PDB file of all heavy atoms in Angstrom:
ATOM      1  N   THR A   1     -57.176-171.988 -40.862  1.00  0.00           N
ATOM      2  CA  THR A   1     -58.569-172.050 -41.292  1.00  0.00           C
ATOM      3  C   THR A   1     -59.370-172.828 -40.266  1.00  0.00           C
ATOM      4  O   THR A   1     -58.839-173.680 -39.544  1.00  0.00           O
ATOM      5  CB  THR A   1     -58.673-172.710 -42.640  1.00  0.00           C
ATOM      6  OG1 THR A   1     -58.319-174.086 -42.521  1.00  0.00           O
ATOM      7  CG2 THR A   1     -57.823-172.064 -43.704  1.00  0.00           C
ATOM      8  N   PRO A   2     -60.648-172.565 -40.177  1.00  0.00           N
ATOM      9  CA  PRO A   2     -61.521-173.345 -39.213  1.00  0.00           C
ATOM     10  C   PRO A   2     -61.376-174.857 -39.422  1.00  0.00           C
ATOM     11  O   PRO A   2     -61.331-175.611 -38.409  1.00  0.00           O
ATOM     12  CB  PRO A   2     -62.887-172.813 -39.502  1.00  0.00           C
ATOM     13  CG  PRO A   2     -62.740-171.418 -39.993  1.00  0.00           C
ATOM     14  CD  PRO A   2     -61.483-171.468 -40.807  1.00  0.00           C
ATOM     15  N   ASP A   3     -61.256-175.340 -40.667  1.00  0.00           N
ATOM     16  CA  ASP A   3     -61.213-176.724 -40.863  1.00  0.00           C
ATOM     17  C   ASP A   3     -59.939-177.373 -40.364  1.00  0.00           C
ATOM     18  O   ASP A   3     -59.910-178.580 -40.110  1.00  0.00           O
ATOM     19  CB  ASP A   3     -61.327-177.046 -42.363  1.00  0.00           C
ATOM     20  CG  ASP A   3     -62.765-177.015 -42.870  1.00  0.00           C
ATOM     21  OD1 ASP A   3     -63.670-176.950 -42.000  1.00  0.00           O
ATOM     22  OD2 ASP A   3     -62.939-177.014 -44.112  1.00  0.00           O
ATOM     23  N   GLN A   4     -58.879-176.578 -40.125  1.00  0.00           N
ATOM     24  CA  GLN A   4     -57.617-177.093 -39.571  1.00  0.00           C
ATOM     25  C   GLN A   4     -57.778-177.400 -38.061  1.00  0.00           C
ATOM     26  O   GLN A   4     -56.948-178.176 -37.557  1.00  0.00           O
ATOM     27  CB  GLN A   4     -56.515-176.131 -39.804  1.00  0.00           C
ATOM     28  CG  GLN A   4     -56.066-176.047 -41.259  1.00  0.00           C
ATOM     29  CD  GLN A   4     -55.010-174.999 -41.514  1.00  0.00           C
ATOM     30  OE1 GLN A   4     -55.302-173.792 -41.586  1.00  0.00           O
ATOM     31  NE2 GLN A   4     -53.734-175.435 -41.625  1.00  0.00           N
ATOM     32  N   VAL A   5     -58.731-176.827 -37.409  1.00  0.00           N
ATOM     33  CA  VAL A   5     -58.892-177.036 -35.956  1.00  0.00           C
ATOM     34  C   VAL A   5     -60.195-177.722 -35.588  1.00  0.00           C
ATOM     35  O   VAL A   5     -60.392-178.087 -34.406  1.00  0.00           O
ATOM     36  CB  VAL A   5     -58.789-175.705 -35.205  1.00  0.00           C
ATOM     37  CG1 VAL A   5     -57.486-175.043 -35.449  1.00  0.00           C
ATOM     38  CG2 VAL A   5     -59.943-174.800 -35.493  1.00  0.00           C
ATOM     39  N   ARG A   6     -61.069-177.940 -36.564  1.00  0.00           N
ATOM     40  CA  ARG A   6     -62.353-178.524 -36.325  1.00  0.00           C
ATOM     41  C   ARG A   6     -62.264-179.934 -35.751  1.00  0.00           C
ATOM     42  O   ARG A   6     -61.646-180.801 -36.318  1.00  0.00           O
ATOM     43  CB  ARG A   6     -63.189-178.618 -37.620  1.00  0.00           C
ATOM     44  CG  ARG A   6     -64.522-179.302 -37.538  1.00  0.00           C
ATOM     45  CD  ARG A   6     -65.166-179.424 -38.910  1.00  0.00           C
ATOM     46  NE  ARG A   6     -64.292-180.048 -39.846  1.00  0.00           N
ATOM     47  CZ  ARG A   6     -64.076-181.389 -39.888  1.00  0.00           C
ATOM     48  NH1 ARG A   6     -64.713-182.208 -39.049  1.00  0.00           N
ATOM     49  NH2 ARG A   6     -63.275-181.912 -40.813  1.00  0.00           N
ATOM     50  N   PRO A   7     -62.836-180.202 -34.568  1.00  0.00           N
ATOM     51  CA  PRO A   7     -62.873-181.588 -34.058  1.00  0.00           C
ATOM     52  C   PRO A   7     -63.903-182.468 -34.716  1.00  0.00           C
ATOM     53  O   PRO A   7     -64.956-181.928 -35.095  1.00  0.00           O
ATOM     54  CB  PRO A   7     -63.172-181.392 -32.546  1.00  0.00           C
ATOM     55  CG  PRO A   7     -63.961-180.121 -32.545  1.00  0.00           C
ATOM     56  CD  PRO A   7     -63.469-179.291 -33.638  1.00  0.00           C
ATOM     57  N   ASP A   8     -63.619-183.723 -34.801  1.00  0.00           N
ATOM     58  CA  ASP A   8     -64.582-184.739 -35.332  1.00  0.00           C
ATOM     59  C   ASP A   8     -65.439-185.307 -34.225  1.00  0.00           C
ATOM     60  O   ASP A   8     -66.415-185.977 -34.497  1.00  0.00           O
ATOM     61  CB  ASP A   8     -63.853-185.846 -36.060  1.00  0.00           C
ATOM     62  CG  ASP A   8     -63.006-185.312 -37.186  1.00  0.00           C
ATOM     63  OD1 ASP A   8     -63.571-184.708 -38.086  1.00  0.00           O
ATOM     64  OD2 ASP A   8     -61.799-185.594 -37.204  1.00  0.00           O
ATOM     65  N   GLY A   9     -65.094-185.030 -32.966  1.00  0.00           N
ATOM     66  CA  GLY A   9     -65.886-185.462 -31.824  1.00  0.00           C
ATOM     67  C   GLY A   9     -65.487-184.721 -30.620  1.00  0.00           C
ATOM     68  O   GLY A   9     -64.387-184.086 -30.565  1.00  0.00           O
ATOM     69  N   ALA A  10     -66.332-184.637 -29.597  1.00  0.00           N
ATOM     70  CA  ALA A  10     -66.059-183.946 -28.371  1.00  0.00           C
ATOM     71  C   ALA A  10     -66.471-184.872 -27.240  1.00  0.00           C
ATOM     72  O   ALA A  10     -67.482-185.512 -27.236  1.00  0.00           O
ATOM     73  CB  ALA A  10     -66.786-182.615 -28.318  1.00  0.00           C
ATOM     74  N   ILE A  11     -65.639-184.866 -26.137  1.00  0.00           N
ATOM     75  CA  ILE A  11     -65.864-185.641 -24.968  1.00  0.00           C
ATOM     76  C   ILE A  11     -65.793-184.706 -23.780  1.00  0.00           C
ATOM     77  O   ILE A  11     -64.687-184.154 -23.486  1.00  0.00           O
ATOM     78  CB  ILE A  11     -64.834-186.769 -24.814  1.00  0.00           C
ATOM     79  CG1 ILE A  11     -64.810-187.702 -26.057  1.00  0.00           C
ATOM     80  CG2 ILE A  11     -65.037-187.582 -23.524  1.00  0.00           C
ATOM     81  CD1 ILE A  11     -63.554-188.482 -26.164  1.00  0.00           C
ATOM     82  N   LEU A  12     -66.917-184.456 -23.092  1.00  0.00           N
ATOM     83  CA  LEU A  12     -66.942-183.521 -22.028  1.00  0.00           C
ATOM     84  C   LEU A  12     -67.268-184.211 -20.740  1.00  0.00           C
ATOM     85  O   LEU A  12     -68.398-184.763 -20.595  1.00  0.00           O
ATOM     86  CB  LEU A  12     -68.016-182.424 -22.288  1.00  0.00           C
ATOM     87  CG  LEU A  12     -67.890-181.657 -23.667  1.00  0.00           C
ATOM     88  CD1 LEU A  12     -68.870-180.507 -23.725  1.00  0.00           C
ATOM     89  CD2 LEU A  12     -66.465-181.177 -23.941  1.00  0.00           C
ATOM     90  N   SER A  13     -66.357-184.169 -19.797  1.00  0.00           N
ATOM     91  CA  SER A  13     -66.502-184.873 -18.518  1.00  0.00           C
ATOM     92  C   SER A  13     -66.777-183.871 -17.442  1.00  0.00           C
ATOM     93  O   SER A  13     -65.935-182.926 -17.183  1.00  0.00           O
ATOM     94  CB  SER A  13     -65.176-185.599 -18.188  1.00  0.00           C
ATOM     95  OG  SER A  13     -64.887-186.519 -19.213  1.00  0.00           O
ATOM     96  N   TYR A  14     -67.916-183.964 -16.773  1.00  0.00           N
ATOM     97  CA  TYR A  14     -68.416-183.022 -15.710  1.00  0.00           C
ATOM     98  C   TYR A  14     -67.954-181.574 -16.059  1.00  0.00           C
ATOM     99  O   TYR A  14     -67.325-180.932 -15.255  1.00  0.00           O
ATOM    100  CB  TYR A  14     -67.980-183.472 -14.334  1.00  0.00           C
ATOM    101  CG  TYR A  14     -66.556-183.990 -14.152  1.00  0.00           C
ATOM    102  CD1 TYR A  14     -65.505-183.118 -13.948  1.00  0.00           C
ATOM    103  CD2 TYR A  14     -66.309-185.342 -14.176  1.00  0.00           C
ATOM    104  CE1 TYR A  14     -64.234-183.542 -13.739  1.00  0.00           C
ATOM    105  CE2 TYR A  14     -65.012-185.827 -14.048  1.00  0.00           C
ATOM    106  CZ  TYR A  14     -63.963-184.928 -13.803  1.00  0.00           C
ATOM    107  OH  TYR A  14     -62.669-185.413 -13.645  1.00  0.00           O
ATOM    108  N   PRO A  15     -68.364-181.086 -17.219  1.00  0.00           N
ATOM    109  CA  PRO A  15     -67.839-179.834 -17.674  1.00  0.00           C
ATOM    110  C   PRO A  15     -68.485-178.590 -17.106  1.00  0.00           C
ATOM    111  O   PRO A  15     -69.682-178.619 -16.754  1.00  0.00           O
ATOM    112  CB  PRO A  15     -68.118-179.894 -19.222  1.00  0.00           C
ATOM    113  CG  PRO A  15     -69.423-180.671 -19.295  1.00  0.00           C
ATOM    114  CD  PRO A  15     -69.266-181.704 -18.212  1.00  0.00           C
ATOM    115  N   VAL A  16     -67.708-177.551 -16.952  1.00  0.00           N
ATOM    116  CA  VAL A  16     -68.270-176.197 -16.749  1.00  0.00           C
ATOM    117  C   VAL A  16     -68.879-175.743 -18.052  1.00  0.00           C
ATOM    118  O   VAL A  16     -68.204-175.797 -19.116  1.00  0.00           O
ATOM    119  CB  VAL A  16     -67.189-175.205 -16.310  1.00  0.00           C
ATOM    120  CG1 VAL A  16     -67.767-173.780 -16.198  1.00  0.00           C
ATOM    121  CG2 VAL A  16     -66.577-175.637 -14.938  1.00  0.00           C
ATOM    122  N   ILE A  17     -70.161-175.420 -18.041  1.00  0.00           N
ATOM    123  CA  ILE A  17     -70.826-175.009 -19.292  1.00  0.00           C
ATOM    124  C   ILE A  17     -71.434-173.601 -19.234  1.00  0.00           C
ATOM    125  O   ILE A  17     -71.227-172.813 -20.093  1.00  0.00           O
ATOM    126  CB  ILE A  17     -71.968-176.044 -19.609  1.00  0.00           C
ATOM    127  CG1 ILE A  17     -71.393-177.395 -19.939  1.00  0.00           C
ATOM    128  CG2 ILE A  17     -72.869-175.521 -20.744  1.00  0.00           C
ATOM    129  CD1 ILE A  17     -70.558-177.444 -21.265  1.00  0.00           C
ATOM    130  N   SER A  18     -72.077-173.340 -18.176  1.00  0.00           N
ATOM    131  CA  SER A  18     -73.013-172.138 -18.119  1.00  0.00           C
ATOM    132  C   SER A  18     -72.487-171.080 -17.176  1.00  0.00           C
ATOM    133  O   SER A  18     -71.970-171.321 -16.072  1.00  0.00           O
ATOM    134  CB  SER A  18     -74.376-172.568 -17.659  1.00  0.00           C
ATOM    135  OG  SER A  18     -75.261-171.454 -17.619  1.00  0.00           O
ATOM    136  N   ALA A  19     -72.628-169.819 -17.646  1.00  0.00           N
ATOM    137  CA  ALA A  19     -72.252-168.659 -16.812  1.00  0.00           C
ATOM    138  C   ALA A  19     -73.425-168.167 -15.961  1.00  0.00           C
ATOM    139  O   ALA A  19     -73.290-167.137 -15.272  1.00  0.00           O
ATOM    140  CB  ALA A  19     -71.751-167.523 -17.704  1.00  0.00           C
ATOM    141  N   ARG A  20     -74.572-168.844 -16.046  1.00  0.00           N
ATOM    142  CA  ARG A  20     -75.750-168.375 -15.276  1.00  0.00           C
ATOM    143  C   ARG A  20     -75.430-168.364 -13.792  1.00  0.00           C
ATOM    144  O   ARG A  20     -74.944-169.353 -13.240  1.00  0.00           O
ATOM    145  CB  ARG A  20     -76.958-169.217 -15.566  1.00  0.00           C
ATOM    146  CG  ARG A  20     -77.408-169.135 -17.015  1.00  0.00           C
ATOM    147  CD  ARG A  20     -78.701-169.861 -17.325  1.00  0.00           C
ATOM    148  NE  ARG A  20     -79.095-169.749 -18.698  1.00  0.00           N
ATOM    149  CZ  ARG A  20     -80.227-170.144 -19.192  1.00  0.00           C
ATOM    150  NH1 ARG A  20     -81.172-170.623 -18.391  1.00  0.00           N
ATOM    151  NH2 ARG A  20     -80.470-170.020 -20.506  1.00  0.00           N
ATOM    152  N   PRO A  21     -75.729-167.271 -13.074  1.00  0.00           N
ATOM    153  CA  PRO A  21     -75.264-167.174 -11.688  1.00  0.00           C
ATOM    154  C   PRO A  21     -75.742-168.289 -10.799  1.00  0.00           C
ATOM    155  O   PRO A  21     -75.025-168.721  -9.887  1.00  0.00           O
ATOM    156  CB  PRO A  21     -75.862-165.795 -11.273  1.00  0.00           C
ATOM    157  CG  PRO A  21     -76.038-165.048 -12.509  1.00  0.00           C
ATOM    158  CD  PRO A  21     -76.355-166.044 -13.578  1.00  0.00           C
ATOM    159  N   GLU A  22     -76.992-168.805 -11.031  1.00  0.00           N
ATOM    160  CA  GLU A  22     -77.519-169.804 -10.169  1.00  0.00           C
ATOM    161  C   GLU A  22     -76.773-171.118 -10.246  1.00  0.00           C
ATOM    162  O   GLU A  22     -76.943-172.004  -9.423  1.00  0.00           O
ATOM    163  CB  GLU A  22     -79.010-170.015 -10.490  1.00  0.00           C
ATOM    164  CG  GLU A  22     -79.353-170.585 -11.863  1.00  0.00           C
ATOM    165  CD  GLU A  22     -79.518-169.586 -12.956  1.00  0.00           C
ATOM    166  OE1 GLU A  22     -79.036-168.443 -12.780  1.00  0.00           O
ATOM    167  OE2 GLU A  22     -80.172-169.915 -13.963  1.00  0.00           O
ATOM    168  N   LEU A  23     -75.927-171.297 -11.288  1.00  0.00           N
ATOM    169  CA  LEU A  23     -75.169-172.508 -11.445  1.00  0.00           C
ATOM    170  C   LEU A  23     -73.757-172.457 -10.858  1.00  0.00           C
ATOM    171  O   LEU A  23     -72.971-173.408 -10.981  1.00  0.00           O
ATOM    172  CB  LEU A  23     -75.131-172.941 -12.911  1.00  0.00           C
ATOM    173  CG  LEU A  23     -76.477-173.343 -13.475  1.00  0.00           C
ATOM    174  CD1 LEU A  23     -76.366-173.826 -14.924  1.00  0.00           C
ATOM    175  CD2 LEU A  23     -77.129-174.407 -12.640  1.00  0.00           C
ATOM    176  N   GLY A  24     -73.373-171.303 -10.265  1.00  0.00           N
ATOM    177  CA  GLY A  24     -72.258-171.248  -9.379  1.00  0.00           C
ATOM    178  C   GLY A  24     -70.840-171.246  -9.926  1.00  0.00           C
ATOM    179  O   GLY A  24     -69.930-171.510  -9.194  1.00  0.00           O
ATOM    180  N   MET A  25     -70.660-170.918 -11.184  1.00  0.00           N
ATOM    181  CA  MET A  25     -69.329-170.949 -11.806  1.00  0.00           C
ATOM    182  C   MET A  25     -68.693-169.568 -11.929  1.00  0.00           C
ATOM    183  O   MET A  25     -67.759-169.412 -12.722  1.00  0.00           O
ATOM    184  CB  MET A  25     -69.416-171.666 -13.090  1.00  0.00           C
ATOM    185  CG  MET A  25     -69.639-173.136 -13.002  1.00  0.00           C
ATOM    186  SD  MET A  25     -68.251-173.963 -12.135  1.00  0.00           S
ATOM    187  CE  MET A  25     -69.020-174.363 -10.519  1.00  0.00           C
ATOM    188  N   GLU A  26     -69.215-168.536 -11.265  1.00  0.00           N
ATOM    189  CA  GLU A  26     -68.654-167.247 -11.426  1.00  0.00           C
ATOM    190  C   GLU A  26     -67.140-167.174 -11.166  1.00  0.00           C
ATOM    191  O   GLU A  26     -66.392-166.538 -11.890  1.00  0.00           O
ATOM    192  CB  GLU A  26     -69.361-166.268 -10.446  1.00  0.00           C
ATOM    193  CG  GLU A  26     -68.866-164.839 -10.427  1.00  0.00           C
ATOM    194  CD  GLU A  26     -69.345-164.000 -11.631  1.00  0.00           C
ATOM    195  OE1 GLU A  26     -70.203-164.488 -12.366  1.00  0.00           O
ATOM    196  OE2 GLU A  26     -68.818-162.873 -11.783  1.00  0.00           O
ATOM    197  N   PRO A  27     -66.589-167.826 -10.081  1.00  0.00           N
ATOM    198  CA  PRO A  27     -65.161-167.782  -9.880  1.00  0.00           C
ATOM    199  C   PRO A  27     -64.323-168.329 -11.033  1.00  0.00           C
ATOM    200  O   PRO A  27     -63.290-167.805 -11.421  1.00  0.00           O
ATOM    201  CB  PRO A  27     -64.984-168.608  -8.589  1.00  0.00           C
ATOM    202  CG  PRO A  27     -66.252-168.538  -7.866  1.00  0.00           C
ATOM    203  CD  PRO A  27     -67.313-168.503  -8.986  1.00  0.00           C
ATOM    204  N   CYS A  28     -64.842-169.423 -11.640  1.00  0.00           N
ATOM    205  CA  CYS A  28     -64.150-170.008 -12.775  1.00  0.00           C
ATOM    206  C   CYS A  28     -64.101-169.045 -13.950  1.00  0.00           C
ATOM    207  O   CYS A  28     -63.059-168.889 -14.570  1.00  0.00           O
ATOM    208  CB  CYS A  28     -64.814-171.342 -13.144  1.00  0.00           C
ATOM    209  SG  CYS A  28     -63.990-172.259 -14.494  1.00  0.00           S
ATOM    210  N   TYR A  29     -65.234-168.446 -14.188  1.00  0.00           N
ATOM    211  CA  TYR A  29     -65.267-167.463 -15.350  1.00  0.00           C
ATOM    212  C   TYR A  29     -64.427-166.264 -15.053  1.00  0.00           C
ATOM    213  O   TYR A  29     -63.791-165.715 -15.984  1.00  0.00           O
ATOM    214  CB  TYR A  29     -66.769-167.072 -15.629  1.00  0.00           C
ATOM    215  CG  TYR A  29     -67.483-168.046 -16.508  1.00  0.00           C
ATOM    216  CD1 TYR A  29     -68.196-169.087 -15.979  1.00  0.00           C
ATOM    217  CD2 TYR A  29     -67.379-167.958 -17.899  1.00  0.00           C
ATOM    218  CE1 TYR A  29     -68.946-169.991 -16.739  1.00  0.00           C
ATOM    219  CE2 TYR A  29     -68.044-168.890 -18.699  1.00  0.00           C
ATOM    220  CZ  TYR A  29     -68.836-169.874 -18.121  1.00  0.00           C
ATOM    221  OH  TYR A  29     -69.469-170.814 -18.938  1.00  0.00           O
ATOM    222  N   ARG A  30     -64.397-165.791 -13.827  1.00  0.00           N
ATOM    223  CA  ARG A  30     -63.566-164.635 -13.509  1.00  0.00           C
ATOM    224  C   ARG A  30     -62.080-164.975 -13.631  1.00  0.00           C
ATOM    225  O   ARG A  30     -61.269-164.128 -14.099  1.00  0.00           O
ATOM    226  CB  ARG A  30     -63.817-164.171 -12.064  1.00  0.00           C
ATOM    227  CG  ARG A  30     -65.154-163.462 -11.924  1.00  0.00           C
ATOM    228  CD  ARG A  30     -65.156-162.097 -12.644  1.00  0.00           C
ATOM    229  NE  ARG A  30     -66.506-161.793 -13.178  1.00  0.00           N
ATOM    230  CZ  ARG A  30     -66.755-161.507 -14.443  1.00  0.00           C
ATOM    231  NH1 ARG A  30     -65.821-161.508 -15.325  1.00  0.00           N
ATOM    232  NH2 ARG A  30     -68.007-161.248 -14.797  1.00  0.00           N
ATOM    233  N   THR A  31     -61.650-166.221 -13.278  1.00  0.00           N
ATOM    234  CA  THR A  31     -60.248-166.609 -13.498  1.00  0.00           C
ATOM    235  C   THR A  31     -59.940-166.615 -14.978  1.00  0.00           C
ATOM    236  O   THR A  31     -58.869-166.184 -15.400  1.00  0.00           O
ATOM    237  CB  THR A  31     -60.029-167.973 -12.885  1.00  0.00           C
ATOM    238  OG1 THR A  31     -60.316-167.947 -11.521  1.00  0.00           O
ATOM    239  CG2 THR A  31     -58.591-168.442 -13.099  1.00  0.00           C
ATOM    240  N   LEU A  32     -60.897-167.100 -15.817  1.00  0.00           N
ATOM    241  CA  LEU A  32     -60.670-167.165 -17.233  1.00  0.00           C
ATOM    242  C   LEU A  32     -60.640-165.757 -17.884  1.00  0.00           C
ATOM    243  O   LEU A  32     -59.808-165.532 -18.777  1.00  0.00           O
ATOM    244  CB  LEU A  32     -61.791-168.005 -17.873  1.00  0.00           C
ATOM    245  CG  LEU A  32     -61.799-168.019 -19.423  1.00  0.00           C
ATOM    246  CD1 LEU A  32     -60.550-168.660 -19.963  1.00  0.00           C
ATOM    247  CD2 LEU A  32     -63.050-168.805 -19.898  1.00  0.00           C
ATOM    248  N   LEU A  33     -61.547-164.900 -17.452  1.00  0.00           N
ATOM    249  CA  LEU A  33     -61.750-163.625 -18.139  1.00  0.00           C
ATOM    250  C   LEU A  33     -61.211-162.388 -17.485  1.00  0.00           C
ATOM    251  O   LEU A  33     -61.046-161.360 -18.115  1.00  0.00           O
ATOM    252  CB  LEU A  33     -63.255-163.438 -18.381  1.00  0.00           C
ATOM    253  CG  LEU A  33     -63.937-164.511 -19.280  1.00  0.00           C
ATOM    254  CD1 LEU A  33     -65.433-164.418 -19.149  1.00  0.00           C
ATOM    255  CD2 LEU A  33     -63.556-164.320 -20.710  1.00  0.00           C
ATOM    256  N   GLY A  34     -61.019-162.463 -16.168  1.00  0.00           N
ATOM    257  CA  GLY A  34     -60.779-161.168 -15.471  1.00  0.00           C
ATOM    258  C   GLY A  34     -62.090-160.428 -15.248  1.00  0.00           C
ATOM    259  O   GLY A  34     -63.176-160.980 -15.511  1.00  0.00           O
ATOM    260  N   PRO A  35     -61.982-159.127 -14.906  1.00  0.00           N
ATOM    261  CA  PRO A  35     -63.177-158.318 -14.683  1.00  0.00           C
ATOM    262  C   PRO A  35     -63.881-158.017 -16.022  1.00  0.00           C
ATOM    263  O   PRO A  35     -63.269-158.137 -17.094  1.00  0.00           O
ATOM    264  CB  PRO A  35     -62.667-157.093 -14.025  1.00  0.00           C
ATOM    265  CG  PRO A  35     -61.230-156.973 -14.483  1.00  0.00           C
ATOM    266  CD  PRO A  35     -60.750-158.389 -14.593  1.00  0.00           C
ATOM    267  N   GLY A  36     -65.118-157.675 -15.904  1.00  0.00           N
ATOM    268  CA  GLY A  36     -65.843-157.291 -17.094  1.00  0.00           C
ATOM    269  C   GLY A  36     -66.960-158.291 -17.448  1.00  0.00           C
ATOM    270  O   GLY A  36     -67.090-159.298 -16.808  1.00  0.00           O
ATOM    271  N   PRO A  37     -67.738-157.974 -18.490  1.00  0.00           N
ATOM    272  CA  PRO A  37     -68.847-158.887 -18.849  1.00  0.00           C
ATOM    273  C   PRO A  37     -68.361-160.175 -19.431  1.00  0.00           C
ATOM    274  O   PRO A  37     -67.216-160.278 -20.015  1.00  0.00           O
ATOM    275  CB  PRO A  37     -69.578-158.064 -19.944  1.00  0.00           C
ATOM    276  CG  PRO A  37     -68.509-157.114 -20.504  1.00  0.00           C
ATOM    277  CD  PRO A  37     -67.627-156.751 -19.360  1.00  0.00           C
ATOM    278  N   ILE A  38     -69.148-161.187 -19.301  1.00  0.00           N
ATOM    279  CA  ILE A  38     -68.857-162.556 -19.822  1.00  0.00           C
ATOM    280  C   ILE A  38     -69.390-162.569 -21.253  1.00  0.00           C
ATOM    281  O   ILE A  38     -70.582-162.395 -21.449  1.00  0.00           O
ATOM    282  CB  ILE A  38     -69.486-163.645 -18.963  1.00  0.00           C
ATOM    283  CG1 ILE A  38     -68.879-163.569 -17.547  1.00  0.00           C
ATOM    284  CG2 ILE A  38     -69.259-164.998 -19.616  1.00  0.00           C
ATOM    285  CD1 ILE A  38     -69.523-164.509 -16.616  1.00  0.00           C
ATOM    286  N   PRO A  39     -68.590-162.798 -22.289  1.00  0.00           N
ATOM    287  CA  PRO A  39     -69.074-162.924 -23.620  1.00  0.00           C
ATOM    288  C   PRO A  39     -70.138-164.028 -23.706  1.00  0.00           C
ATOM    289  O   PRO A  39     -69.977-165.140 -23.155  1.00  0.00           O
ATOM    290  CB  PRO A  39     -67.827-163.314 -24.431  1.00  0.00           C
ATOM    291  CG  PRO A  39     -66.701-162.828 -23.633  1.00  0.00           C
ATOM    292  CD  PRO A  39     -67.123-162.990 -22.222  1.00  0.00           C
ATOM    293  N   PRO A  40     -71.280-163.750 -24.334  1.00  0.00           N
ATOM    294  CA  PRO A  40     -72.382-164.697 -24.336  1.00  0.00           C
ATOM    295  C   PRO A  40     -71.993-166.080 -24.889  1.00  0.00           C
ATOM    296  O   PRO A  40     -72.491-167.086 -24.355  1.00  0.00           O
ATOM    297  CB  PRO A  40     -73.434-164.043 -25.215  1.00  0.00           C
ATOM    298  CG  PRO A  40     -73.141-162.590 -25.176  1.00  0.00           C
ATOM    299  CD  PRO A  40     -71.650-162.484 -25.009  1.00  0.00           C
ATOM    300  N   GLU A  41     -71.117-166.134 -25.840  1.00  0.00           N
ATOM    301  CA  GLU A  41     -70.724-167.451 -26.479  1.00  0.00           C
ATOM    302  C   GLU A  41     -69.927-168.314 -25.520  1.00  0.00           C
ATOM    303  O   GLU A  41     -69.825-169.529 -25.746  1.00  0.00           O
ATOM    304  CB  GLU A  41     -69.927-167.170 -27.747  1.00  0.00           C
ATOM    305  CG  GLU A  41     -68.568-166.550 -27.568  1.00  0.00           C
ATOM    306  CD  GLU A  41     -68.591-165.060 -27.654  1.00  0.00           C
ATOM    307  OE1 GLU A  41     -69.679-164.466 -27.425  1.00  0.00           O
ATOM    308  OE2 GLU A  41     -67.530-164.426 -27.791  1.00  0.00           O
ATOM    309  N   LEU A  42     -69.397-167.751 -24.413  1.00  0.00           N
ATOM    310  CA  LEU A  42     -68.664-168.579 -23.472  1.00  0.00           C
ATOM    311  C   LEU A  42     -69.563-169.246 -22.464  1.00  0.00           C
ATOM    312  O   LEU A  42     -69.047-170.032 -21.646  1.00  0.00           O
ATOM    313  CB  LEU A  42     -67.550-167.787 -22.805  1.00  0.00           C
ATOM    314  CG  LEU A  42     -66.475-167.209 -23.748  1.00  0.00           C
ATOM    315  CD1 LEU A  42     -65.368-166.620 -22.927  1.00  0.00           C
ATOM    316  CD2 LEU A  42     -65.961-168.288 -24.684  1.00  0.00           C
ATOM    317  N   SER A  43     -70.786-168.839 -22.392  1.00  0.00           N
ATOM    318  CA  SER A  43     -71.807-169.662 -21.743  1.00  0.00           C
ATOM    319  C   SER A  43     -72.295-170.667 -22.745  1.00  0.00           C
ATOM    320  O   SER A  43     -73.152-170.375 -23.604  1.00  0.00           O
ATOM    321  CB  SER A  43     -72.965-168.814 -21.188  1.00  0.00           C
ATOM    322  OG  SER A  43     -73.802-169.543 -20.280  1.00  0.00           O
TER     323      SER A  43
END
């Protein structure tokens, strides 16, 4: 169930966040996803 995995806090250190091309993380997303469109929720 979602409640079994829900975090009570999140700590993000210099995180990759956005798939927008101008922010330069295309290689990271391609490694994660392979070819094809990037699901919007992963930005």
